[in-house]
PDB file of N, CA and C in Angstrom:
ATOM      1  N   MET A   1      26.100  -8.083 -34.947  1.00  0.00           N
ATOM      2  CA  MET A   1      26.570  -9.476 -35.123  1.00  0.00           C
ATOM      3  C   MET A   1      26.259 -10.173 -33.917  1.00  0.00           C
ATOM      4  N   HIS A   2      25.748 -11.348 -34.041  1.00  0.00           N
ATOM      5  CA  HIS A   2      25.589 -11.976 -32.705  1.00  0.00           C
ATOM      6  C   HIS A   2      26.714 -12.954 -32.305  1.00  0.00           C
ATOM      7  N   ALA A   3      26.779 -13.012 -31.076  1.00  0.00           N
ATOM      8  CA  ALA A   3      27.930 -13.620 -30.560  1.00  0.00           C
ATOM      9  C   ALA A   3      27.570 -15.359 -30.503  1.00  0.00           C
ATOM     10  N   HIS A   4      28.428 -16.073 -30.586  1.00  0.00           N
ATOM     11  CA  HIS A   4      28.249 -17.472 -30.586  1.00  0.00           C
ATOM     12  C   HIS A   4      29.544 -18.202 -29.699  1.00  0.00           C
ATOM     13  N   ILE A   5      28.970 -19.189 -28.977  1.00  0.00           N
ATOM     14  CA  ILE A   5      30.010 -19.953 -28.093  1.00  0.00           C
ATOM     15  C   ILE A   5      30.040 -21.404 -28.604  1.00  0.00           C
ATOM     16  N   THR A   6      31.180 -21.923 -28.914  1.00  0.00           N
ATOM     17  CA  THR A   6      31.272 -23.398 -29.204  1.00  0.00           C
ATOM     18  C   THR A   6      32.160 -24.123 -28.187  1.00  0.00           C
ATOM     19  N   LEU A   7      31.554 -25.096 -27.573  1.00  0.00           N
ATOM     20  CA  LEU A   7      32.388 -26.008 -26.692  1.00  0.00           C
ATOM     21  C   LEU A   7      32.762 -27.194 -27.284  1.00  0.00           C
ATOM     22  N   THR A   8      34.020 -27.561 -27.442  1.00  0.00           N
ATOM     23  CA  THR A   8      34.597 -28.794 -28.067  1.00  0.00           C
ATOM     24  C   THR A   8      35.115 -29.726 -27.146  1.00  0.00           C
ATOM     25  N   VAL A   9      34.532 -31.156 -27.248  1.00  0.00           N
ATOM     26  CA  VAL A   9      35.212 -32.199 -26.239  1.00  0.00           C
ATOM     27  C   VAL A   9      36.739 -32.384 -26.757  1.00  0.00           C
ATOM     28  N   MET A  10      37.421 -32.612 -25.947  1.00  0.00           N
ATOM     29  CA  MET A  10      38.950 -32.478 -26.140  1.00  0.00           C
ATOM     30  C   MET A  10      39.270 -34.044 -26.330  1.00  0.00           C
ATOM     31  N   ASP A  11      38.709 -34.967 -25.705  1.00  0.00           N
ATOM     32  CA  ASP A  11      39.321 -36.350 -25.624  1.00  0.00           C
ATOM     33  C   ASP A  11      38.127 -37.429 -25.133  1.00  0.00           C
ATOM     34  N   GLY A  12      38.377 -38.564 -25.231  1.00  0.00           N
ATOM     35  CA  GLY A  12      37.436 -39.552 -24.775  1.00  0.00           C
ATOM     36  C   GLY A  12      36.685 -39.905 -26.074  1.00  0.00           C
ATOM     37  N   LYS A  13      35.637 -40.492 -25.984  1.00  0.00           N
ATOM     38  CA  LYS A  13      34.596 -41.123 -26.891  1.00  0.00           C
ATOM     39  C   LYS A  13      34.077 -40.101 -27.725  1.00  0.00           C
ATOM     40  N   LEU A  14      33.838 -38.858 -26.983  1.00  0.00           N
ATOM     41  CA  LEU A  14      33.201 -37.816 -27.670  1.00  0.00           C
ATOM     42  C   LEU A  14      34.242 -36.837 -28.252  1.00  0.00           C
ATOM     43  N   GLU A  15      35.282 -37.141 -28.307  1.00  0.00           N
ATOM     44  CA  GLU A  15      36.450 -36.182 -28.862  1.00  0.00           C
ATOM     45  C   GLU A  15      35.911 -35.606 -30.211  1.00  0.00           C
ATOM     46  N   GLY A  16      36.085 -34.200 -30.284  1.00  0.00           N
ATOM     47  CA  GLY A  16      35.613 -33.492 -31.509  1.00  0.00           C
ATOM     48  C   GLY A  16      34.207 -33.119 -31.501  1.00  0.00           C
ATOM     49  N   LYS A  17      33.392 -33.679 -30.513  1.00  0.00           N
ATOM     50  CA  LYS A  17      31.932 -33.282 -30.758  1.00  0.00           C
ATOM     51  C   LYS A  17      31.824 -31.735 -30.239  1.00  0.00           C
ATOM     52  N   GLU A  18      31.063 -31.086 -30.955  1.00  0.00           N
ATOM     53  CA  GLU A  18      30.774 -29.624 -30.442  1.00  0.00           C
ATOM     54  C   GLU A  18      29.248 -29.276 -30.226  1.00  0.00           C
ATOM     55  N   TYR A  19      29.285 -28.341 -29.167  1.00  0.00           N
ATOM     56  CA  TYR A  19      28.046 -27.912 -28.689  1.00  0.00           C
ATOM     57  C   TYR A  19      28.007 -26.510 -28.831  1.00  0.00           C
ATOM     58  N   GLY A  20      27.116 -25.903 -29.596  1.00  0.00           N
ATOM     59  CA  GLY A  20      26.905 -24.540 -29.953  1.00  0.00           C
ATOM     60  C   GLY A  20      25.837 -23.734 -29.127  1.00  0.00           C
ATOM     61  N   PHE A  21      26.254 -22.509 -28.722  1.00  0.00           N
ATOM     62  CA  PHE A  21      25.108 -21.681 -28.054  1.00  0.00           C
ATOM     63  C   PHE A  21      25.332 -20.135 -28.707  1.00  0.00           C
ATOM     64  N   SER A  22      24.158 -19.930 -29.170  1.00  0.00           N
ATOM     65  CA  SER A  22      23.998 -18.452 -29.771  1.00  0.00           C
ATOM     66  C   SER A  22      23.009 -17.543 -28.956  1.00  0.00           C
ATOM     67  N   ARG A  23      22.393 -18.106 -27.786  1.00  0.00           N
ATOM     68  CA  ARG A  23      21.309 -17.356 -27.112  1.00  0.00           C
ATOM     69  C   ARG A  23      21.616 -17.393 -25.625  1.00  0.00           C
ATOM     70  N   ARG A  24      20.997 -16.871 -24.745  1.00  0.00           N
ATOM     71  CA  ARG A  24      21.122 -16.953 -23.414  1.00  0.00           C
ATOM     72  C   ARG A  24      20.297 -18.252 -22.897  1.00  0.00           C
ATOM     73  N   GLN A  25      20.951 -19.095 -22.323  1.00  0.00           N
ATOM     74  CA  GLN A  25      20.398 -20.365 -21.557  1.00  0.00           C
ATOM     75  C   GLN A  25      21.107 -20.912 -20.567  1.00  0.00           C
ATOM     76  N   ASN A  26      20.565 -21.725 -19.800  1.00  0.00           N
ATOM     77  CA  ASN A  26      21.339 -22.573 -18.686  1.00  0.00           C
ATOM     78  C   ASN A  26      21.362 -24.196 -19.449  1.00  0.00           C
ATOM     79  N   CYS A  27      22.423 -24.668 -19.037  1.00  0.00           N
ATOM     80  CA  CYS A  27      22.723 -26.220 -19.486  1.00  0.00           C
ATOM     81  C   CYS A  27      23.462 -26.961 -18.679  1.00  0.00           C
ATOM     82  N   VAL A  28      22.829 -27.994 -18.394  1.00  0.00           N
ATOM     83  CA  VAL A  28      23.574 -28.845 -17.444  1.00  0.00           C
ATOM     84  C   VAL A  28      24.355 -29.848 -18.028  1.00  0.00           C
ATOM     85  N   ILE A  29      25.648 -30.337 -17.514  1.00  0.00           N
ATOM     86  CA  ILE A  29      26.373 -31.295 -18.098  1.00  0.00           C
ATOM     87  C   ILE A  29      26.390 -32.431 -17.130  1.00  0.00           C
ATOM     88  N   GLY A  30      26.130 -33.647 -17.490  1.00  0.00           N
ATOM     89  CA  GLY A  30      26.457 -34.770 -16.689  1.00  0.00           C
ATOM     90  C   GLY A  30      26.160 -36.064 -17.101  1.00  0.00           C
ATOM     91  N   ARG A  31      26.060 -37.191 -16.316  1.00  0.00           N
ATOM     92  CA  ARG A  31      25.639 -38.574 -17.035  1.00  0.00           C
ATOM     93  C   ARG A  31      24.240 -38.829 -16.813  1.00  0.00           C
ATOM     94  N   ALA A  32      23.298 -38.170 -16.253  1.00  0.00           N
ATOM     95  CA  ALA A  32      22.094 -38.422 -16.130  1.00  0.00           C
ATOM     96  C   ALA A  32      21.401 -38.098 -17.613  1.00  0.00           C
ATOM     97  N   GLY A  33      20.150 -38.743 -17.834  1.00  0.00           N
ATOM     98  CA  GLY A  33      19.597 -38.830 -19.191  1.00  0.00           C
ATOM     99  C   GLY A  33      19.014 -37.332 -19.302  1.00  0.00           C
ATOM    100  N   ASP A  34      18.590 -36.680 -18.247  1.00  0.00           N
ATOM    101  CA  ASP A  34      17.850 -35.439 -18.328  1.00  0.00           C
ATOM    102  C   ASP A  34      18.761 -34.177 -18.545  1.00  0.00           C
ATOM    103  N   CYS A  35      20.083 -34.409 -18.597  1.00  0.00           N
ATOM    104  CA  CYS A  35      21.142 -33.453 -18.868  1.00  0.00           C
ATOM    105  C   CYS A  35      21.036 -32.945 -20.337  1.00  0.00           C
ATOM    106  N   GLU A  36      21.276 -31.497 -20.488  1.00  0.00           N
ATOM    107  CA  GLU A  36      21.366 -31.166 -21.845  1.00  0.00           C
ATOM    108  C   GLU A  36      22.463 -31.588 -22.773  1.00  0.00           C
ATOM    109  N   ILE A  37      23.664 -31.826 -21.830  1.00  0.00           N
ATOM    110  CA  ILE A  37      24.927 -32.361 -22.436  1.00  0.00           C
ATOM    111  C   ILE A  37      25.079 -33.653 -21.638  1.00  0.00           C
ATOM    112  N   CYS A  38      24.704 -34.637 -22.258  1.00  0.00           N
ATOM    113  CA  CYS A  38      24.749 -35.970 -21.556  1.00  0.00           C
ATOM    114  C   CYS A  38      25.892 -36.924 -21.769  1.00  0.00           C
ATOM    115  N   LEU A  39      26.719 -37.129 -20.983  1.00  0.00           N
ATOM    116  CA  LEU A  39      27.833 -37.871 -21.030  1.00  0.00           C
ATOM    117  C   LEU A  39      27.577 -39.462 -20.887  1.00  0.00           C
ATOM    118  N   PRO A  40      28.261 -40.296 -21.550  1.00  0.00           N
ATOM    119  CA  PRO A  40      28.040 -41.786 -21.329  1.00  0.00           C
ATOM    120  C   PRO A  40      28.446 -42.167 -20.107  1.00  0.00           C
ATOM    121  N   ASP A  41      27.855 -43.536 -19.777  1.00  0.00           N
ATOM    122  CA  ASP A  41      28.334 -43.932 -18.339  1.00  0.00           C
ATOM    123  C   ASP A  41      29.458 -45.003 -18.744  1.00  0.00           C
ATOM    124  N   ALA A  42      30.408 -44.490 -19.730  1.00  0.00           N
ATOM    125  CA  ALA A  42      31.571 -45.248 -19.853  1.00  0.00           C
ATOM    126  C   ALA A  42      32.452 -44.852 -18.614  1.00  0.00           C
ATOM    127  N   LEU A  43      33.316 -45.906 -18.679  1.00  0.00           N
ATOM    128  CA  LEU A  43      34.537 -45.869 -17.550  1.00  0.00           C
ATOM    129  C   LEU A  43      35.296 -44.464 -17.420  1.00  0.00           C
ATOM    130  N   GLU A  44      35.546 -43.955 -18.581  1.00  0.00           N
ATOM    131  CA  GLU A  44      36.311 -42.745 -18.635  1.00  0.00           C
ATOM    132  C   GLU A  44      35.488 -41.461 -18.300  1.00  0.00           C
ATOM    133  N   TYR A  45      34.023 -41.670 -18.066  1.00  0.00           N
ATOM    134  CA  TYR A  45      33.403 -40.430 -17.738  1.00  0.00           C
ATOM    135  C   TYR A  45      32.888 -40.805 -16.233  1.00  0.00           C
ATOM    136  N   LEU A  46      33.157 -41.735 -15.506  1.00  0.00           N
ATOM    137  CA  LEU A  46      32.609 -42.119 -14.226  1.00  0.00           C
ATOM    138  C   LEU A  46      33.133 -40.972 -13.001  1.00  0.00           C
ATOM    139  N   THR A  47      34.105 -40.231 -13.362  1.00  0.00           N
ATOM    140  CA  THR A  47      34.463 -39.125 -12.467  1.00  0.00           C
ATOM    141  C   THR A  47      33.506 -37.912 -12.689  1.00  0.00           C
ATOM    142  N   VAL A  48      32.728 -37.962 -13.697  1.00  0.00           N
ATOM    143  CA  VAL A  48      31.789 -36.940 -13.856  1.00  0.00           C
ATOM    144  C   VAL A  48      30.282 -37.345 -13.163  1.00  0.00           C
ATOM    145  N   SER A  49      29.702 -36.574 -12.368  1.00  0.00           N
ATOM    146  CA  SER A  49      28.567 -37.015 -11.497  1.00  0.00           C
ATOM    147  C   SER A  49      27.266 -36.817 -12.486  1.00  0.00           C
ATOM    148  N   ARG A  50      26.302 -37.425 -12.016  1.00  0.00           N
ATOM    149  CA  ARG A  50      25.007 -37.349 -12.984  1.00  0.00           C
ATOM    150  C   ARG A  50      24.660 -35.907 -13.492  1.00  0.00           C
ATOM    151  N   HIS A  51      24.644 -35.052 -12.560  1.00  0.00           N
ATOM    152  CA  HIS A  51      24.258 -33.671 -12.722  1.00  0.00           C
ATOM    153  C   HIS A  51      25.416 -32.978 -12.305  1.00  0.00           C
ATOM    154  N   HIS A  52      26.726 -32.854 -12.912  1.00  0.00           N
ATOM    155  CA  HIS A  52      28.043 -32.406 -12.901  1.00  0.00           C
ATOM    156  C   HIS A  52      28.165 -30.947 -12.602  1.00  0.00           C
ATOM    157  N   CYS A  53      27.763 -30.176 -13.627  1.00  0.00           N
ATOM    158  CA  CYS A  53      27.832 -28.656 -13.494  1.00  0.00           C
ATOM    159  C   CYS A  53      26.761 -27.836 -14.397  1.00  0.00           C
ATOM    160  N   LEU A  54      26.537 -26.773 -14.039  1.00  0.00           N
ATOM    161  CA  LEU A  54      25.570 -26.021 -14.837  1.00  0.00           C
ATOM    162  C   LEU A  54      26.497 -24.899 -15.573  1.00  0.00           C
ATOM    163  N   LEU A  55      25.990 -24.880 -16.832  1.00  0.00           N
ATOM    164  CA  LEU A  55      26.542 -23.651 -17.741  1.00  0.00           C
ATOM    165  C   LEU A  55      25.713 -22.633 -17.714  1.00  0.00           C
ATOM    166  N   GLU A  56      25.946 -21.404 -17.320  1.00  0.00           N
ATOM    167  CA  GLU A  56      25.243 -20.393 -17.598  1.00  0.00           C
ATOM    168  C   GLU A  56      25.581 -19.477 -18.864  1.00  0.00           C
ATOM    169  N   VAL A  57      25.035 -19.561 -19.879  1.00  0.00           N
ATOM    170  CA  VAL A  57      25.369 -19.201 -21.233  1.00  0.00           C
ATOM    171  C   VAL A  57      24.697 -17.727 -21.524  1.00  0.00           C
ATOM    172  N   ASP A  58      25.375 -16.833 -21.749  1.00  0.00           N
ATOM    173  CA  ASP A  58      24.801 -15.670 -22.197  1.00  0.00           C
ATOM    174  C   ASP A  58      26.075 -14.867 -23.184  1.00  0.00           C
ATOM    175  N   PRO A  59      25.958 -15.432 -24.440  1.00  0.00           N
ATOM    176  CA  PRO A  59      27.098 -15.082 -25.335  1.00  0.00           C
ATOM    177  C   PRO A  59      27.352 -13.618 -25.562  1.00  0.00           C
ATOM    178  N   PRO A  60      28.602 -13.148 -25.408  1.00  0.00           N
ATOM    179  CA  PRO A  60      29.831 -13.907 -25.574  1.00  0.00           C
ATOM    180  C   PRO A  60      30.369 -14.452 -24.275  1.00  0.00           C
ATOM    181  N   GLU A  61      29.581 -14.467 -22.950  1.00  0.00           N
ATOM    182  CA  GLU A  61      30.184 -14.972 -21.875  1.00  0.00           C
ATOM    183  C   GLU A  61      29.525 -16.348 -21.461  1.00  0.00           C
ATOM    184  N   ILE A  62      30.140 -17.146 -20.632  1.00  0.00           N
ATOM    185  CA  ILE A  62      29.725 -18.274 -20.094  1.00  0.00           C
ATOM    186  C   ILE A  62      30.360 -18.563 -18.767  1.00  0.00           C
ATOM    187  N   ARG A  63      29.520 -18.982 -17.757  1.00  0.00           N
ATOM    188  CA  ARG A  63      29.990 -19.323 -16.525  1.00  0.00           C
ATOM    189  C   ARG A  63      29.632 -20.725 -16.131  1.00  0.00           C
ATOM    190  N   VAL A  64      30.656 -21.448 -15.459  1.00  0.00           N
ATOM    191  CA  VAL A  64      30.531 -22.651 -15.030  1.00  0.00           C
ATOM    192  C   VAL A  64      30.373 -22.793 -13.497  1.00  0.00           C
ATOM    193  N   ARG A  65      29.279 -23.521 -13.122  1.00  0.00           N
ATOM    194  CA  ARG A  65      28.860 -23.521 -11.669  1.00  0.00           C
ATOM    195  C   ARG A  65      28.646 -25.063 -11.429  1.00  0.00           C
ATOM    196  N   PRO A  66      29.577 -25.645 -10.363  1.00  0.00           N
ATOM    197  CA  PRO A  66      29.534 -26.886  -9.909  1.00  0.00           C
ATOM    198  C   PRO A  66      28.231 -27.106  -9.375  1.00  0.00           C
ATOM    199  N   ARG A  67      27.627 -28.212  -9.523  1.00  0.00           N
ATOM    200  CA  ARG A  67      26.235 -28.815  -9.165  1.00  0.00           C
ATOM    201  C   ARG A  67      26.508 -29.160  -7.617  1.00  0.00           C
ATOM    202  N   GLN A  68      27.439 -29.976  -7.597  1.00  0.00           N
ATOM    203  CA  GLN A  68      27.795 -30.690  -6.169  1.00  0.00           C
ATOM    204  C   GLN A  68      27.772 -29.541  -5.195  1.00  0.00           C
ATOM    205  N   GLN A  69      28.554 -28.621  -5.566  1.00  0.00           N
ATOM    206  CA  GLN A  69      28.869 -27.364  -4.621  1.00  0.00           C
ATOM    207  C   GLN A  69      27.437 -26.842  -4.169  1.00  0.00           C
ATOM    208  N   GLU A  70      26.502 -26.733  -5.256  1.00  0.00           N
ATOM    209  CA  GLU A  70      25.130 -26.373  -4.822  1.00  0.00           C
ATOM    210  C   GLU A  70      24.307 -27.112  -3.849  1.00  0.00           C
ATOM    211  N   ARG A  71      24.554 -28.395  -4.188  1.00  0.00           N
ATOM    212  CA  ARG A  71      23.834 -29.480  -3.364  1.00  0.00           C
ATOM    213  C   ARG A  71      24.363 -29.366  -1.861  1.00  0.00           C
ATOM    214  N   HIS A  72      25.731 -29.384  -1.754  1.00  0.00           N
ATOM    215  CA  HIS A  72      26.335 -29.268  -0.423  1.00  0.00           C
ATOM    216  C   HIS A  72      25.960 -27.918   0.223  1.00  0.00           C
ATOM    217  N   LEU A  73      25.955 -26.910  -0.359  1.00  0.00           N
ATOM    218  CA  LEU A  73      25.445 -25.801   0.278  1.00  0.00           C
ATOM    219  C   LEU A  73      23.910 -25.732   0.766  1.00  0.00           C
ATOM    220  N   ARG A  74      23.085 -26.498  -0.046  1.00  0.00           N
ATOM    221  CA  ARG A  74      21.766 -26.729   0.480  1.00  0.00           C
ATOM    222  C   ARG A  74      21.625 -27.517   1.571  1.00  0.00           C
ATOM    223  N   GLU A  75      22.433 -28.666   1.705  1.00  0.00           N
ATOM    224  CA  GLU A  75      22.533 -29.532   2.823  1.00  0.00           C
ATOM    225  C   GLU A  75      23.021 -28.831   4.188  1.00  0.00           C
ATOM    226  N   ARG A  76      24.117 -27.961   3.848  1.00  0.00           N
ATOM    227  CA  ARG A  76      24.575 -27.476   5.155  1.00  0.00           C
ATOM    228  C   ARG A  76      23.608 -26.423   5.650  1.00  0.00           C
ATOM    229  N   ARG A  77      22.921 -25.741   4.787  1.00  0.00           N
ATOM    230  CA  ARG A  77      21.864 -24.708   5.256  1.00  0.00           C
ATOM    231  C   ARG A  77      20.733 -25.481   5.974  1.00  0.00           C
ATOM    232  N   ALA A  78      20.281 -26.544   5.395  1.00  0.00           N
ATOM    233  CA  ALA A  78      19.178 -27.366   6.111  1.00  0.00           C
ATOM    234  C   ALA A  78      19.712 -27.975   7.300  1.00  0.00           C
ATOM    235  N   ASN A  79      20.902 -28.379   7.435  1.00  0.00           N
ATOM    236  CA  ASN A  79      21.427 -28.755   8.783  1.00  0.00           C
ATOM    237  C   ASN A  79      21.671 -27.654   9.555  1.00  0.00           C
ATOM    238  N   ARG A  80      21.957 -26.540   9.226  1.00  0.00           N
ATOM    239  CA  ARG A  80      22.037 -25.669  10.217  1.00  0.00           C
ATOM    240  C   ARG A  80      20.601 -25.211  10.821  1.00  0.00           C
ATOM    241  N   ARG A  81      19.736 -25.088   9.900  1.00  0.00           N
ATOM    242  CA  ARG A  81      18.441 -24.775  10.231  1.00  0.00           C
ATOM    243  C   ARG A  81      17.684 -25.864  11.245  1.00  0.00           C
ATOM    244  N   GLN A  82      18.223 -27.147  11.082  1.00  0.00           N
ATOM    245  CA  GLN A  82      17.690 -28.199  11.954  1.00  0.00           C
ATOM    246  C   GLN A  82      18.254 -28.042  13.308  1.00  0.00           C
ATOM    247  N   ALA A  83      19.611 -27.641  13.385  1.00  0.00           N
ATOM    248  CA  ALA A  83      20.452 -27.332  14.589  1.00  0.00           C
ATOM    249  C   ALA A  83      19.737 -26.341  15.330  1.00  0.00           C
ATOM    250  N   GLU A  84      19.525 -25.119  14.538  1.00  0.00           N
ATOM    251  CA  GLU A  84      18.856 -23.965  15.259  1.00  0.00           C
ATOM    252  C   GLU A  84      17.569 -24.186  15.867  1.00  0.00           C
ATOM    253  N   ARG A  85      16.691 -25.000  15.287  1.00  0.00           N
ATOM    254  CA  ARG A  85      15.406 -25.506  15.741  1.00  0.00           C
ATOM    255  C   ARG A  85      15.610 -26.192  17.076  1.00  0.00           C
ATOM    256  N   ARG A  86      16.561 -27.303  17.053  1.00  0.00           N
ATOM    257  CA  ARG A  86      16.741 -28.055  18.177  1.00  0.00           C
ATOM    258  C   ARG A  86      17.058 -27.146  19.335  1.00  0.00           C
ATOM    259  N   ARG A  87      18.033 -26.229  19.154  1.00  0.00           N
ATOM    260  CA  ARG A  87      18.446 -25.405  20.175  1.00  0.00           C
ATOM    261  C   ARG A  87      17.406 -24.544  20.764  1.00  0.00           C
ATOM    262  N   GLY A  88      16.440 -24.096  19.843  1.00  0.00           N
ATOM    263  CA  GLY A  88      15.378 -23.385  20.092  1.00  0.00           C
ATOM    264  C   GLY A  88      14.395 -24.125  21.151  1.00  0.00           C
ATOM    265  N   ARG A  89      14.378 -25.300  21.039  1.00  0.00           N
ATOM    266  CA  ARG A  89      13.421 -26.327  21.706  1.00  0.00           C
ATOM    267  C   ARG A  89      13.870 -26.463  23.285  1.00  0.00           C
ATOM    268  N   ARG A  90      15.136 -26.444  23.237  1.00  0.00           N
ATOM    269  CA  ARG A  90      15.703 -26.725  24.775  1.00  0.00           C
ATOM    270  C   ARG A  90      15.536 -25.823  25.601  1.00  0.00           C
TER     271      ARG A  90
END
């Protein structure tokens, strides 16, 4: 028997909408047009960023990873590398 995951929107304009997953895949949720689950630019969804989170789906398991956290980690690493380079020049 194959595992299946169903995500159901609980409120707002998309209340009741379901998204089903039956195979391993990654899925981005956000307000940008290139997201697999694209939320509208309505006022009620403005707290959701353009590329809000990444779902790592491997039925029957699913992981949610915040995209902002990944971006901030990349920025911190880049800033650290720049600071190390500057220190090396002095």
